[in-house]
Amino acid sequence: MKLPEEGVLLRIFIGEMDTHEGRPLYEQIVLKAREMRLAGATVLRGIMGFGAHSRVHTSKILRLSEDMPVVIEIVDREERLAELMPFLDEVVKEGLITMEKVRVTKYRHGDG
């Protein structure tokens, strides 16, 4: 797959404990992105954060939280990401979704 130089970065901010159909929501989103053959997805686990409810989630020992912040990042063409939005509207019950234009400088598969 070749990505154009002008791409879009989709970020989905959710909680680690969020689920959909009994599985972690971040996993369901990544699997859906793969099923749709999007360019790729990465899940990042935060060490501290808060959202709309202003509850602080942290990995500090004295305030151990099982529901750490999670960010899923997906870069692809805008029209491809738009195809994912109905699924996200359905499954993301709490969180934040952002999109921003990015400049893709390299996207290569390791096989030559």
C-alpha atoms as a PDB file:
ATOM      1  CA  MET A   1       0.000   0.000   0.000  1.00  0.00           C
ATOM      2  CA  LYS A   2       1.215   3.483  -0.792  1.00  0.00           C
ATOM      3  CA  LEU A   3       0.130   6.459   1.259  1.00  0.00           C
ATOM      4  CA  PRO A   4      -0.017   9.940  -0.238  1.00  0.00           C
ATOM      5  CA  GLU A   5       2.212  12.592   1.289  1.00  0.00           C
ATOM      6  CA  GLU A   6      -0.843  14.295   2.786  1.00  0.00           C
ATOM      7  CA  GLY A   7      -2.484  11.913   5.235  1.00  0.00           C
ATOM      8  CA  VAL A   8      -4.688  12.124   8.295  1.00  0.00           C
ATOM      9  CA  LEU A   9      -3.888  11.025  11.837  1.00  0.00           C
ATOM     10  CA  LEU A  10      -6.856   9.632  13.725  1.00  0.00           C
ATOM     11  CA  ARG A  11      -6.465   9.499  17.504  1.00  0.00           C
ATOM     12  CA  ILE A  12      -8.913   7.707  19.762  1.00  0.00           C
ATOM     13  CA  PHE A  13      -8.590   8.390  23.504  1.00  0.00           C
ATOM     14  CA  ILE A  14     -10.296   5.758  25.652  1.00  0.00           C
ATOM     15  CA  GLY A  15      -9.762   3.849  28.897  1.00  0.00           C
ATOM     16  CA  GLU A  16      -7.864   0.588  29.087  1.00  0.00           C
ATOM     17  CA  MET A  17     -10.860  -1.111  30.737  1.00  0.00           C
ATOM     18  CA  ASP A  18     -13.359  -0.033  28.040  1.00  0.00           C
ATOM     19  CA  THR A  19     -14.837  -3.047  26.281  1.00  0.00           C
ATOM     20  CA  HIS A  20     -16.975  -3.971  23.307  1.00  0.00           C
ATOM     21  CA  GLU A  21     -18.621  -7.381  23.052  1.00  0.00           C
ATOM     22  CA  GLY A  22     -16.587  -8.648  26.012  1.00  0.00           C
ATOM     23  CA  ARG A  23     -13.170  -7.756  24.576  1.00  0.00           C
ATOM     24  CA  PRO A  24     -10.933  -4.729  25.139  1.00  0.00           C
ATOM     25  CA  LEU A  25     -12.193  -1.829  23.029  1.00  0.00           C
ATOM     26  CA  TYR A  26      -8.691  -0.898  21.856  1.00  0.00           C
ATOM     27  CA  GLU A  27      -8.279  -4.458  20.543  1.00  0.00           C
ATOM     28  CA  GLN A  28     -11.620  -4.342  18.723  1.00  0.00           C
ATOM     29  CA  ILE A  29     -10.689  -1.025  17.068  1.00  0.00           C
ATOM     30  CA  VAL A  30      -7.297  -2.300  15.913  1.00  0.00           C
ATOM     31  CA  LEU A  31      -8.823  -5.516  14.557  1.00  0.00           C
ATOM     32  CA  LYS A  32     -11.487  -3.499  12.690  1.00  0.00           C
ATOM     33  CA  ALA A  33      -8.781  -1.241  11.203  1.00  0.00           C
ATOM     34  CA  ARG A  34      -6.864  -4.348  10.083  1.00  0.00           C
ATOM     35  CA  GLU A  35     -10.021  -5.901   8.633  1.00  0.00           C
ATOM     36  CA  MET A  36     -10.556  -2.694   6.645  1.00  0.00           C
ATOM     37  CA  ARG A  37      -6.936  -2.900   5.455  1.00  0.00           C
ATOM     38  CA  LEU A  38      -6.039   0.535   6.811  1.00  0.00           C
ATOM     39  CA  ALA A  39      -2.354   1.433   6.721  1.00  0.00           C
ATOM     40  CA  GLY A  40      -1.723   0.519  10.376  1.00  0.00           C
ATOM     41  CA  ALA A  41      -2.688   1.154  13.969  1.00  0.00           C
ATOM     42  CA  THR A  42      -0.784   1.575  17.213  1.00  0.00           C
ATOM     43  CA  VAL A  43      -2.078   1.403  20.775  1.00  0.00           C
ATOM     44  CA  LEU A  44      -0.274   3.542  23.350  1.00  0.00           C
ATOM     45  CA  ARG A  45      -0.829   3.090  27.085  1.00  0.00           C
ATOM     46  CA  GLY A  46      -0.583   6.294  29.082  1.00  0.00           C
ATOM     47  CA  ILE A  47       0.944   6.550  32.540  1.00  0.00           C
ATOM     48  CA  MET A  48      -1.351   9.359  33.653  1.00  0.00           C
ATOM     49  CA  GLY A  49      -4.336  11.275  32.363  1.00  0.00           C
ATOM     50  CA  PHE A  50      -7.889  12.497  32.845  1.00  0.00           C
ATOM     51  CA  GLY A  51     -10.900  12.967  30.623  1.00  0.00           C
ATOM     52  CA  ALA A  52     -14.375  14.444  30.621  1.00  0.00           C
ATOM     53  CA  HIS A  53     -15.117  13.276  34.196  1.00  0.00           C
ATOM     54  CA  SER A  54     -11.847  14.839  35.461  1.00  0.00           C
ATOM     55  CA  ARG A  55     -10.918  11.617  37.296  1.00  0.00           C
ATOM     56  CA  VAL A  56      -7.134  11.251  37.347  1.00  0.00           C
ATOM     57  CA  HIS A  57      -5.834   7.845  36.245  1.00  0.00           C
ATOM     58  CA  THR A  58      -2.232   7.147  37.179  1.00  0.00           C
ATOM     59  CA  SER A  59       0.198   4.259  37.412  1.00  0.00           C
ATOM     60  CA  LYS A  60       1.779   5.583  40.628  1.00  0.00           C
ATOM     61  CA  ILE A  61       2.003   2.844  43.250  1.00  0.00           C
ATOM     62  CA  LEU A  62       0.004   4.748  45.878  1.00  0.00           C
ATOM     63  CA  ARG A  63      -2.828   5.502  43.428  1.00  0.00           C
ATOM     64  CA  LEU A  64      -2.885   2.309  41.409  1.00  0.00           C
ATOM     65  CA  SER A  65      -5.441   2.494  38.616  1.00  0.00           C
ATOM     66  CA  GLU A  66      -6.451  -0.411  36.444  1.00  0.00           C
ATOM     67  CA  ASP A  67      -8.117   1.899  33.943  1.00  0.00           C
ATOM     68  CA  MET A  68      -5.126   3.628  32.408  1.00  0.00           C
ATOM     69  CA  PRO A  69      -5.511   6.033  29.482  1.00  0.00           C
ATOM     70  CA  VAL A  70      -5.130   4.415  26.060  1.00  0.00           C
ATOM     71  CA  VAL A  71      -4.610   6.155  22.723  1.00  0.00           C
ATOM     72  CA  ILE A  72      -5.076   4.386  19.403  1.00  0.00           C
ATOM     73  CA  GLU A  73      -3.344   6.109  16.492  1.00  0.00           C
ATOM     74  CA  ILE A  74      -4.163   5.342  12.876  1.00  0.00           C
ATOM     75  CA  VAL A  75      -2.730   7.162   9.844  1.00  0.00           C
ATOM     76  CA  ASP A  76      -4.305   6.759   6.417  1.00  0.00           C
ATOM     77  CA  ARG A  77      -6.104   8.734   3.735  1.00  0.00           C
ATOM     78  CA  GLU A  78      -8.997  10.853   4.981  1.00  0.00           C
ATOM     79  CA  GLU A  79     -11.607   8.992   2.939  1.00  0.00           C
ATOM     80  CA  ARG A  80     -10.417   5.622   4.304  1.00  0.00           C
ATOM     81  CA  LEU A  81     -10.628   6.850   7.897  1.00  0.00           C
ATOM     82  CA  ALA A  82     -14.097   8.234   7.192  1.00  0.00           C
ATOM     83  CA  GLU A  83     -15.173   4.640   6.468  1.00  0.00           C
ATOM     84  CA  LEU A  84     -14.133   3.680  10.023  1.00  0.00           C
ATOM     85  CA  MET A  85     -16.151   6.459  11.702  1.00  0.00           C
ATOM     86  CA  PRO A  86     -19.561   4.684  11.795  1.00  0.00           C
ATOM     87  CA  PHE A  87     -17.936   1.791  13.683  1.00  0.00           C
ATOM     88  CA  LEU A  88     -16.270   4.210  16.116  1.00  0.00           C
ATOM     89  CA  ASP A  89     -19.555   6.061  16.637  1.00  0.00           C
ATOM     90  CA  GLU A  90     -21.101   2.738  17.636  1.00  0.00           C
ATOM     91  CA  VAL A  91     -18.389   1.391  19.955  1.00  0.00           C
ATOM     92  CA  VAL A  92     -16.772   4.437  21.621  1.00  0.00           C
ATOM     93  CA  LYS A  93     -19.254   5.260  24.381  1.00  0.00           C
ATOM     94  CA  GLU A  94     -16.843   7.470  26.357  1.00  0.00           C
ATOM     95  CA  GLY A  95     -13.694   9.092  25.056  1.00  0.00           C
ATOM     96  CA  LEU A  96     -12.320  11.566  22.561  1.00  0.00           C
ATOM     97  CA  ILE A  97     -11.689  11.174  18.841  1.00  0.00           C
ATOM     98  CA  THR A  98      -9.524  13.650  16.929  1.00  0.00           C
ATOM     99  CA  MET A  99      -8.270  13.939  13.364  1.00  0.00           C
ATOM    100  CA  GLU A 100      -5.476  16.082  12.036  1.00  0.00           C
ATOM    101  CA  LYS A 101      -3.615  16.420   8.783  1.00  0.00           C
ATOM    102  CA  VAL A 102      -0.124  14.932   8.767  1.00  0.00           C
ATOM    103  CA  ARG A 103       2.722  14.799   6.281  1.00  0.00           C
ATOM    104  CA  VAL A 104       3.711  11.216   5.535  1.00  0.00           C
ATOM    105  CA  THR A 105       7.437  11.094   4.795  1.00  0.00           C
ATOM    106  CA  LYS A 106       7.863   7.327   4.635  1.00  0.00           C
ATOM    107  CA  TYR A 107       5.626   4.263   4.737  1.00  0.00           C
ATOM    108  CA  ARG A 108       7.386   1.106   3.639  1.00  0.00           C
ATOM    109  CA  HIS A 109       7.119  -2.609   4.064  1.00  0.00           C
ATOM    110  CA  GLY A 110      10.355  -4.380   5.053  1.00  0.00           C
ATOM    111  CA  ASP A 111      10.477  -6.552   1.902  1.00  0.00           C
ATOM    112  CA  GLY A 112      12.655  -4.447  -0.390  1.00  0.00           C
END
